[in-house]
Amino acid sequence: MKCSKTRLASPYIDGELSSEAKALFEEHAVKCPACGERLEKLRTVRILFAHADRYQAPHGFKARVMAGTREREAKRSFFFPSFVRTAEAAVLLAVIVLGIVSGRFLTSTVMNQRMGNLTSSLSLDIFEPAPSDSVGGVYLAMTEVRDEK
């Protein structure tokens, strides 16, 4: 059986809960077997750590560990940063080239479409003839007759 409030057991043991939350969790832990079991396990672990023997590190242990760490960092830092910088530069260059190529493709496609639309909009073929009973229609009729003579 699982309970969503078992996550409160560790903050309860560590004294991180407010007094209200602490009281509510205590009431809940008495009724909920999952929370009660979790609380007992954490209390046992806390007691075991509190009574555990403490040992002093050997003389010079910290200095040896720190020296070993610096050595490993020096060996790794010779090759690793240059590799990372090269990889970063390659990725950046690839992104720039991809942006330029896709930009040219998109602009050429859009410009061709727009130029086609511009050309067709300037063509006189899109105009419909004026109705014959309008002023424009009468003018067209008069000019056509004059042109035919």
N, C-alpha and C. Protein backbone atom coordinates (compact mmCIF):
# COMPACT_ATOMS: atom_id res chain seq x y z
N MET A 1 0.84 -1.18 0.00
CA MET A 1 0.00 0.00 0.00
C MET A 1 0.89 1.24 0.00
N LYS A 2 0.68 2.11 -0.94
CA LYS A 2 1.48 3.33 -1.04
C LYS A 2 0.64 4.53 -0.64
N CYS A 3 1.34 5.52 -0.09
CA CYS A 3 0.67 6.75 0.33
C CYS A 3 1.48 7.93 -0.21
N SER A 4 0.78 8.95 -0.67
CA SER A 4 1.47 10.11 -1.23
C SER A 4 2.15 10.95 -0.15
N LYS A 5 1.78 10.75 1.11
CA LYS A 5 2.35 11.56 2.18
C LYS A 5 3.63 10.97 2.77
N THR A 6 4.07 9.80 2.27
CA THR A 6 5.32 9.23 2.80
C THR A 6 6.51 10.13 2.49
N ARG A 7 6.38 10.99 1.49
CA ARG A 7 7.46 11.92 1.17
C ARG A 7 7.70 12.93 2.27
N LEU A 8 6.74 13.08 3.18
CA LEU A 8 6.89 14.03 4.29
C LEU A 8 7.63 13.43 5.48
N ALA A 9 7.92 12.14 5.44
CA ALA A 9 8.57 11.49 6.59
C ALA A 9 9.98 12.03 6.82
N SER A 10 10.76 12.19 5.78
CA SER A 10 12.12 12.69 5.94
C SER A 10 12.16 14.14 6.43
N PRO A 11 11.38 15.05 5.84
CA PRO A 11 11.35 16.41 6.41
C PRO A 11 10.84 16.44 7.85
N TYR A 12 9.95 15.50 8.19
CA TYR A 12 9.45 15.42 9.57
C TYR A 12 10.58 15.04 10.52
N ILE A 13 11.35 14.02 10.14
CA ILE A 13 12.47 13.56 10.98
C ILE A 13 13.52 14.67 11.12
N ASP A 14 13.78 15.39 10.04
CA ASP A 14 14.81 16.43 10.04
C ASP A 14 14.34 17.73 10.68
N GLY A 15 13.06 17.82 11.06
CA GLY A 15 12.53 19.03 11.69
C GLY A 15 12.31 20.17 10.72
N GLU A 16 12.03 19.85 9.46
CA GLU A 16 11.85 20.87 8.44
C GLU A 16 10.39 21.27 8.23
N LEU A 17 9.46 20.59 8.90
CA LEU A 17 8.04 20.91 8.74
C LEU A 17 7.61 21.97 9.74
N SER A 18 6.59 22.74 9.34
CA SER A 18 6.03 23.72 10.28
C SER A 18 5.29 22.97 11.38
N SER A 19 4.95 23.66 12.44
CA SER A 19 4.28 22.98 13.56
C SER A 19 2.93 22.41 13.13
N GLU A 20 2.20 23.12 12.25
CA GLU A 20 0.91 22.60 11.76
C GLU A 20 1.12 21.34 10.93
N ALA A 21 2.05 21.41 9.99
CA ALA A 21 2.31 20.26 9.12
C ALA A 21 2.82 19.08 9.93
N LYS A 22 3.63 19.37 10.94
CA LYS A 22 4.17 18.31 11.81
C LYS A 22 3.03 17.61 12.54
N ALA A 23 2.11 18.37 13.11
CA ALA A 23 0.98 17.79 13.84
C ALA A 23 0.09 16.97 12.91
N LEU A 24 -0.17 17.50 11.72
CA LEU A 24 -1.00 16.77 10.75
C LEU A 24 -0.33 15.46 10.33
N PHE A 25 1.00 15.51 10.10
CA PHE A 25 1.69 14.29 9.68
C PHE A 25 1.71 13.26 10.81
N GLU A 26 1.89 13.71 12.05
CA GLU A 26 1.87 12.77 13.18
C GLU A 26 0.54 12.05 13.27
N GLU A 27 -0.57 12.80 13.13
CA GLU A 27 -1.90 12.19 13.15
C GLU A 27 -2.05 11.19 12.02
N HIS A 28 -1.58 11.58 10.84
CA HIS A 28 -1.70 10.71 9.66
C HIS A 28 -0.85 9.45 9.82
N ALA A 29 0.36 9.59 10.34
CA ALA A 29 1.27 8.44 10.46
C ALA A 29 0.73 7.38 11.41
N VAL A 30 -0.04 7.80 12.40
CA VAL A 30 -0.64 6.84 13.33
C VAL A 30 -1.67 5.98 12.61
N LYS A 31 -2.41 6.57 11.68
CA LYS A 31 -3.49 5.87 10.97
C LYS A 31 -3.01 5.14 9.72
N CYS A 32 -1.95 5.64 9.09
CA CYS A 32 -1.49 5.09 7.80
C CYS A 32 -0.32 4.14 8.02
N PRO A 33 -0.48 2.86 7.67
CA PRO A 33 0.61 1.90 7.88
C PRO A 33 1.85 2.21 7.03
N ALA A 34 1.67 2.70 5.80
CA ALA A 34 2.82 2.98 4.93
C ALA A 34 3.66 4.11 5.51
N CYS A 35 3.01 5.17 5.98
CA CYS A 35 3.73 6.31 6.53
C CYS A 35 4.36 5.94 7.88
N GLY A 36 3.63 5.16 8.69
CA GLY A 36 4.18 4.73 9.97
C GLY A 36 5.43 3.88 9.79
N GLU A 37 5.40 2.97 8.80
CA GLU A 37 6.56 2.12 8.52
C GLU A 37 7.74 2.95 8.01
N ARG A 38 7.47 3.87 7.14
CA ARG A 38 8.54 4.73 6.59
C ARG A 38 9.16 5.58 7.70
N LEU A 39 8.34 6.09 8.59
CA LEU A 39 8.81 6.90 9.70
C LEU A 39 9.71 6.09 10.63
N GLU A 40 9.33 4.85 10.91
CA GLU A 40 10.15 3.99 11.78
C GLU A 40 11.49 3.65 11.13
N LYS A 41 11.47 3.39 9.83
CA LYS A 41 12.73 3.10 9.12
C LYS A 41 13.67 4.29 9.17
N LEU A 42 13.14 5.48 8.94
CA LEU A 42 13.98 6.67 8.97
C LEU A 42 14.51 6.96 10.37
N ARG A 43 13.70 6.71 11.39
CA ARG A 43 14.18 6.88 12.77
C ARG A 43 15.31 5.92 13.08
N THR A 44 15.18 4.67 12.62
CA THR A 44 16.22 3.67 12.84
C THR A 44 17.52 4.08 12.15
N VAL A 45 17.44 4.54 10.91
CA VAL A 45 18.63 4.97 10.17
C VAL A 45 19.28 6.16 10.87
N ARG A 46 18.47 7.09 11.35
CA ARG A 46 19.01 8.26 12.03
C ARG A 46 19.75 7.86 13.30
N ILE A 47 19.18 6.92 14.04
CA ILE A 47 19.84 6.44 15.27
C ILE A 47 21.14 5.72 14.94
N LEU A 48 21.13 4.90 13.89
CA LEU A 48 22.35 4.17 13.50
C LEU A 48 23.45 5.16 13.11
N PHE A 49 23.12 6.18 12.35
CA PHE A 49 24.14 7.16 11.97
C PHE A 49 24.62 7.98 13.17
N ALA A 50 23.73 8.27 14.08
CA ALA A 50 24.12 9.06 15.25
C ALA A 50 25.10 8.29 16.14
N HIS A 51 24.97 6.95 16.21
CA HIS A 51 25.83 6.15 17.08
C HIS A 51 26.99 5.49 16.32
N ALA A 52 27.14 5.82 15.06
CA ALA A 52 28.22 5.20 14.27
C ALA A 52 29.58 5.74 14.73
N ASP A 53 30.59 4.88 14.63
CA ASP A 53 31.94 5.29 15.00
C ASP A 53 32.46 6.28 13.97
N ARG A 54 33.23 7.23 14.45
CA ARG A 54 33.84 8.21 13.56
C ARG A 54 35.33 7.91 13.48
N TYR A 55 35.82 7.95 12.26
CA TYR A 55 37.22 7.66 12.04
C TYR A 55 37.91 8.89 11.46
N GLN A 56 39.14 9.08 11.89
CA GLN A 56 39.94 10.18 11.39
C GLN A 56 40.63 9.74 10.10
N ALA A 57 40.64 10.59 9.13
CA ALA A 57 41.34 10.29 7.88
C ALA A 57 42.83 10.28 8.14
N PRO A 58 43.58 9.41 7.43
CA PRO A 58 45.03 9.36 7.63
C PRO A 58 45.69 10.69 7.28
N HIS A 59 46.84 10.91 7.86
CA HIS A 59 47.58 12.15 7.64
C HIS A 59 47.94 12.29 6.15
N GLY A 60 47.65 13.43 5.57
CA GLY A 60 47.99 13.69 4.18
C GLY A 60 46.96 13.17 3.18
N PHE A 61 45.88 12.60 3.66
CA PHE A 61 44.86 12.03 2.77
C PHE A 61 44.26 13.10 1.86
N LYS A 62 43.89 14.24 2.44
CA LYS A 62 43.28 15.31 1.67
C LYS A 62 44.23 15.83 0.60
N ALA A 63 45.50 15.99 0.96
CA ALA A 63 46.48 16.49 0.00
C ALA A 63 46.65 15.52 -1.16
N ARG A 64 46.67 14.21 -0.88
CA ARG A 64 46.81 13.20 -1.96
C ARG A 64 45.59 13.20 -2.88
N VAL A 65 44.43 13.31 -2.29
CA VAL A 65 43.21 13.31 -3.11
C VAL A 65 43.17 14.55 -3.99
N MET A 66 43.48 15.69 -3.43
CA MET A 66 43.45 16.94 -4.20
C MET A 66 44.51 16.93 -5.31
N ALA A 67 45.69 16.37 -5.02
CA ALA A 67 46.74 16.29 -6.04
C ALA A 67 46.30 15.37 -7.18
N GLY A 68 45.71 14.24 -6.84
CA GLY A 68 45.21 13.31 -7.87
C GLY A 68 44.13 13.94 -8.72
N THR A 69 43.30 14.73 -8.09
CA THR A 69 42.23 15.41 -8.82
C THR A 69 42.81 16.43 -9.79
N ARG A 70 43.80 17.18 -9.32
CA ARG A 70 44.42 18.18 -10.20
C ARG A 70 45.11 17.51 -11.38
N GLU A 71 45.76 16.37 -11.14
CA GLU A 71 46.43 15.64 -12.23
C GLU A 71 45.43 15.21 -13.28
N ARG A 72 44.32 14.61 -12.84
CA ARG A 72 43.31 14.15 -13.79
C ARG A 72 42.72 15.31 -14.56
N GLU A 73 42.49 16.41 -13.89
CA GLU A 73 41.95 17.58 -14.59
C GLU A 73 42.93 18.13 -15.61
N ALA A 74 44.23 18.11 -15.26
CA ALA A 74 45.24 18.60 -16.20
C ALA A 74 45.31 17.71 -17.44
N LYS A 75 45.27 16.39 -17.26
CA LYS A 75 45.30 15.47 -18.40
C LYS A 75 44.06 15.64 -19.26
N ARG A 76 42.94 15.74 -18.62
CA ARG A 76 41.69 15.85 -19.35
C ARG A 76 41.56 17.21 -20.02
N SER A 77 42.01 18.26 -19.35
CA SER A 77 41.83 19.60 -19.89
C SER A 77 42.68 19.85 -21.12
N PHE A 78 43.73 19.08 -21.35
CA PHE A 78 44.55 19.27 -22.54
C PHE A 78 43.77 18.91 -23.80
N PHE A 79 43.09 17.77 -23.79
CA PHE A 79 42.40 17.30 -24.98
C PHE A 79 40.93 17.73 -25.00
N PHE A 80 40.27 17.61 -23.88
CA PHE A 80 38.82 17.79 -23.83
C PHE A 80 38.35 19.18 -24.25
N PRO A 81 38.88 20.26 -23.69
CA PRO A 81 38.37 21.57 -24.11
C PRO A 81 38.58 21.87 -25.59
N SER A 82 39.73 21.43 -26.13
CA SER A 82 39.96 21.71 -27.55
C SER A 82 38.96 20.93 -28.41
N PHE A 83 38.63 19.72 -28.01
CA PHE A 83 37.64 18.93 -28.73
C PHE A 83 36.26 19.58 -28.65
N VAL A 84 35.91 20.02 -27.45
CA VAL A 84 34.61 20.65 -27.26
C VAL A 84 34.52 21.95 -28.05
N ARG A 85 35.57 22.73 -28.02
CA ARG A 85 35.56 23.99 -28.79
C ARG A 85 35.44 23.72 -30.28
N THR A 86 36.14 22.71 -30.77
CA THR A 86 36.06 22.36 -32.19
C THR A 86 34.65 21.91 -32.54
N ALA A 87 34.05 21.08 -31.69
CA ALA A 87 32.69 20.61 -31.94
C ALA A 87 31.70 21.77 -31.91
N GLU A 88 31.86 22.67 -30.96
CA GLU A 88 30.98 23.84 -30.89
C GLU A 88 31.10 24.69 -32.15
N ALA A 89 32.33 24.90 -32.61
CA ALA A 89 32.53 25.70 -33.81
C ALA A 89 31.92 25.03 -35.03
N ALA A 90 32.05 23.70 -35.12
CA ALA A 90 31.47 22.97 -36.26
C ALA A 90 29.95 23.06 -36.26
N VAL A 91 29.35 22.93 -35.09
CA VAL A 91 27.89 23.02 -35.01
C VAL A 91 27.43 24.43 -35.36
N LEU A 92 28.12 25.43 -34.85
CA LEU A 92 27.77 26.81 -35.15
C LEU A 92 27.88 27.09 -36.65
N LEU A 93 28.95 26.62 -37.27
CA LEU A 93 29.14 26.81 -38.70
C LEU A 93 28.03 26.11 -39.49
N ALA A 94 27.68 24.90 -39.08
CA ALA A 94 26.61 24.16 -39.76
C ALA A 94 25.28 24.90 -39.66
N VAL A 95 24.99 25.47 -38.50
CA VAL A 95 23.74 26.22 -38.32
C VAL A 95 23.73 27.46 -39.21
N ILE A 96 24.86 28.15 -39.29
CA ILE A 96 24.93 29.35 -40.13
C ILE A 96 24.73 29.00 -41.60
N VAL A 97 25.42 27.96 -42.07
CA VAL A 97 25.30 27.54 -43.47
C VAL A 97 23.87 27.10 -43.77
N LEU A 98 23.28 26.35 -42.86
CA LEU A 98 21.90 25.90 -43.06
C LEU A 98 20.95 27.10 -43.12
N GLY A 99 21.19 28.09 -42.28
CA GLY A 99 20.35 29.29 -42.30
C GLY A 99 20.48 30.05 -43.61
N ILE A 100 21.69 30.17 -44.11
CA ILE A 100 21.90 30.88 -45.38
C ILE A 100 21.23 30.14 -46.53
N VAL A 101 21.44 28.83 -46.60
CA VAL A 101 20.87 28.05 -47.70
C VAL A 101 19.35 28.08 -47.65
N SER A 102 18.78 27.86 -46.46
CA SER A 102 17.32 27.86 -46.37
C SER A 102 16.76 29.25 -46.62
N GLY A 103 17.47 30.28 -46.20
CA GLY A 103 17.02 31.64 -46.45
C GLY A 103 17.00 31.96 -47.94
N ARG A 104 18.04 31.56 -48.64
CA ARG A 104 18.06 31.80 -50.09
C ARG A 104 16.96 31.04 -50.80
N PHE A 105 16.73 29.81 -50.37
CA PHE A 105 15.68 29.00 -50.98
C PHE A 105 14.32 29.64 -50.76
N LEU A 106 14.07 30.04 -49.52
CA LEU A 106 12.78 30.63 -49.20
C LEU A 106 12.57 31.96 -49.92
N THR A 107 13.60 32.78 -49.95
CA THR A 107 13.43 34.08 -50.60
C THR A 107 13.27 33.93 -52.10
N SER A 108 13.99 32.99 -52.72
CA SER A 108 13.83 32.83 -54.17
C SER A 108 12.45 32.29 -54.49
N THR A 109 11.94 31.38 -53.69
CA THR A 109 10.60 30.83 -53.93
C THR A 109 9.54 31.91 -53.73
N VAL A 110 9.65 32.66 -52.65
CA VAL A 110 8.66 33.70 -52.36
C VAL A 110 8.74 34.81 -53.39
N MET A 111 9.95 35.20 -53.77
CA MET A 111 10.11 36.28 -54.75
C MET A 111 9.55 35.87 -56.10
N ASN A 112 9.77 34.62 -56.51
CA ASN A 112 9.21 34.17 -57.79
C ASN A 112 7.69 34.22 -57.76
N GLN A 113 7.11 33.82 -56.66
CA GLN A 113 5.65 33.86 -56.54
C GLN A 113 5.16 35.31 -56.56
N ARG A 114 5.85 36.18 -55.83
CA ARG A 114 5.42 37.58 -55.76
C ARG A 114 5.62 38.28 -57.11
N MET A 115 6.71 37.97 -57.80
CA MET A 115 6.94 38.59 -59.10
C MET A 115 5.87 38.14 -60.08
N GLY A 116 5.48 36.88 -60.02
CA GLY A 116 4.40 36.39 -60.88
C GLY A 116 3.10 37.11 -60.57
N ASN A 117 2.81 37.29 -59.29
CA ASN A 117 1.60 38.01 -58.90
C ASN A 117 1.67 39.47 -59.33
N LEU A 118 2.85 40.09 -59.22
CA LEU A 118 3.01 41.49 -59.61
C LEU A 118 2.81 41.65 -61.11
N THR A 119 3.41 40.75 -61.87
CA THR A 119 3.28 40.81 -63.33
C THR A 119 1.82 40.65 -63.75
N SER A 120 1.14 39.69 -63.16
CA SER A 120 -0.26 39.48 -63.55
C SER A 120 -1.15 40.62 -63.09
N SER A 121 -0.78 41.29 -62.00
CA SER A 121 -1.61 42.42 -61.55
C SER A 121 -1.42 43.65 -62.44
N LEU A 122 -0.28 43.77 -63.11
CA LEU A 122 -0.05 44.90 -64.00
C LEU A 122 -0.59 44.65 -65.41
N SER A 123 -1.00 43.43 -65.68
CA SER A 123 -1.50 43.09 -67.01
C SER A 123 -2.91 43.65 -67.19
N LEU A 124 -3.23 44.08 -68.41
CA LEU A 124 -4.56 44.61 -68.69
C LEU A 124 -5.59 43.50 -68.90
N ASP A 125 -5.13 42.28 -68.97
CA ASP A 125 -6.04 41.16 -69.17
C ASP A 125 -6.96 40.95 -67.98
N ILE A 126 -6.60 41.46 -66.83
CA ILE A 126 -7.42 41.21 -65.65
C ILE A 126 -8.62 42.16 -65.57
N PHE A 127 -8.59 43.23 -66.37
CA PHE A 127 -9.71 44.17 -66.35
C PHE A 127 -10.87 43.62 -67.17
N GLU A 128 -12.05 43.76 -66.62
CA GLU A 128 -13.24 43.34 -67.35
C GLU A 128 -13.73 44.53 -68.21
N PRO A 129 -14.35 44.28 -69.33
CA PRO A 129 -14.87 45.39 -70.14
C PRO A 129 -15.94 46.14 -69.36
N ALA A 130 -16.02 47.41 -69.62
CA ALA A 130 -17.00 48.24 -68.93
C ALA A 130 -18.39 47.94 -69.47
N PRO A 131 -19.39 48.01 -68.62
CA PRO A 131 -20.77 47.79 -69.12
C PRO A 131 -21.12 48.85 -70.18
N SER A 132 -21.92 48.45 -71.14
CA SER A 132 -22.22 49.34 -72.28
C SER A 132 -23.05 50.56 -71.88
N ASP A 133 -23.79 50.49 -70.80
CA ASP A 133 -24.60 51.64 -70.40
C ASP A 133 -23.87 52.60 -69.48
N SER A 134 -22.57 52.32 -69.22
CA SER A 134 -21.79 53.22 -68.37
C SER A 134 -21.03 54.21 -69.25
N VAL A 135 -20.46 55.23 -68.62
CA VAL A 135 -19.69 56.24 -69.35
C VAL A 135 -18.48 55.59 -70.01
N GLY A 136 -17.83 54.68 -69.29
CA GLY A 136 -16.67 53.99 -69.85
C GLY A 136 -17.06 53.12 -71.03
N GLY A 137 -18.20 52.47 -70.93
CA GLY A 137 -18.67 51.62 -72.02
C GLY A 137 -18.97 52.43 -73.27
N VAL A 138 -19.60 53.60 -73.06
CA VAL A 138 -19.90 54.48 -74.19
C VAL A 138 -18.60 54.96 -74.82
N TYR A 139 -17.61 55.33 -74.01
CA TYR A 139 -16.33 55.80 -74.54
C TYR A 139 -15.65 54.70 -75.34
N LEU A 140 -15.65 53.47 -74.78
CA LEU A 140 -15.03 52.35 -75.50
C LEU A 140 -15.74 52.10 -76.83
N ALA A 141 -17.06 52.21 -76.81
CA ALA A 141 -17.83 52.00 -78.06
C ALA A 141 -17.48 53.06 -79.08
N MET A 142 -17.32 54.29 -78.64
CA MET A 142 -16.99 55.36 -79.57
C MET A 142 -15.58 55.20 -80.11
N THR A 143 -14.63 54.83 -79.32
CA THR A 143 -13.26 54.69 -79.78
C THR A 143 -13.07 53.47 -80.66
N GLU A 144 -13.81 52.44 -80.42
CA GLU A 144 -13.72 51.24 -81.26
C GLU A 144 -14.27 51.55 -82.66
N VAL A 145 -15.33 52.27 -82.73
CA VAL A 145 -15.92 52.59 -84.01
C VAL A 145 -14.98 53.50 -84.80
N ARG A 146 -14.35 54.45 -84.15
CA ARG A 146 -13.44 55.35 -84.82
C ARG A 146 -12.21 54.59 -85.34
N ASP A 147 -11.72 53.62 -84.53
CA ASP A 147 -10.56 52.83 -84.94
C ASP A 147 -10.87 51.95 -86.14
N GLU A 148 -12.11 51.53 -86.28
CA GLU A 148 -12.44 50.61 -87.35
C GLU A 148 -12.58 51.35 -88.70
N LYS A 149 -12.87 52.60 -88.69
CA LYS A 149 -13.09 53.35 -89.94
C LYS A 149 -11.85 53.55 -90.70
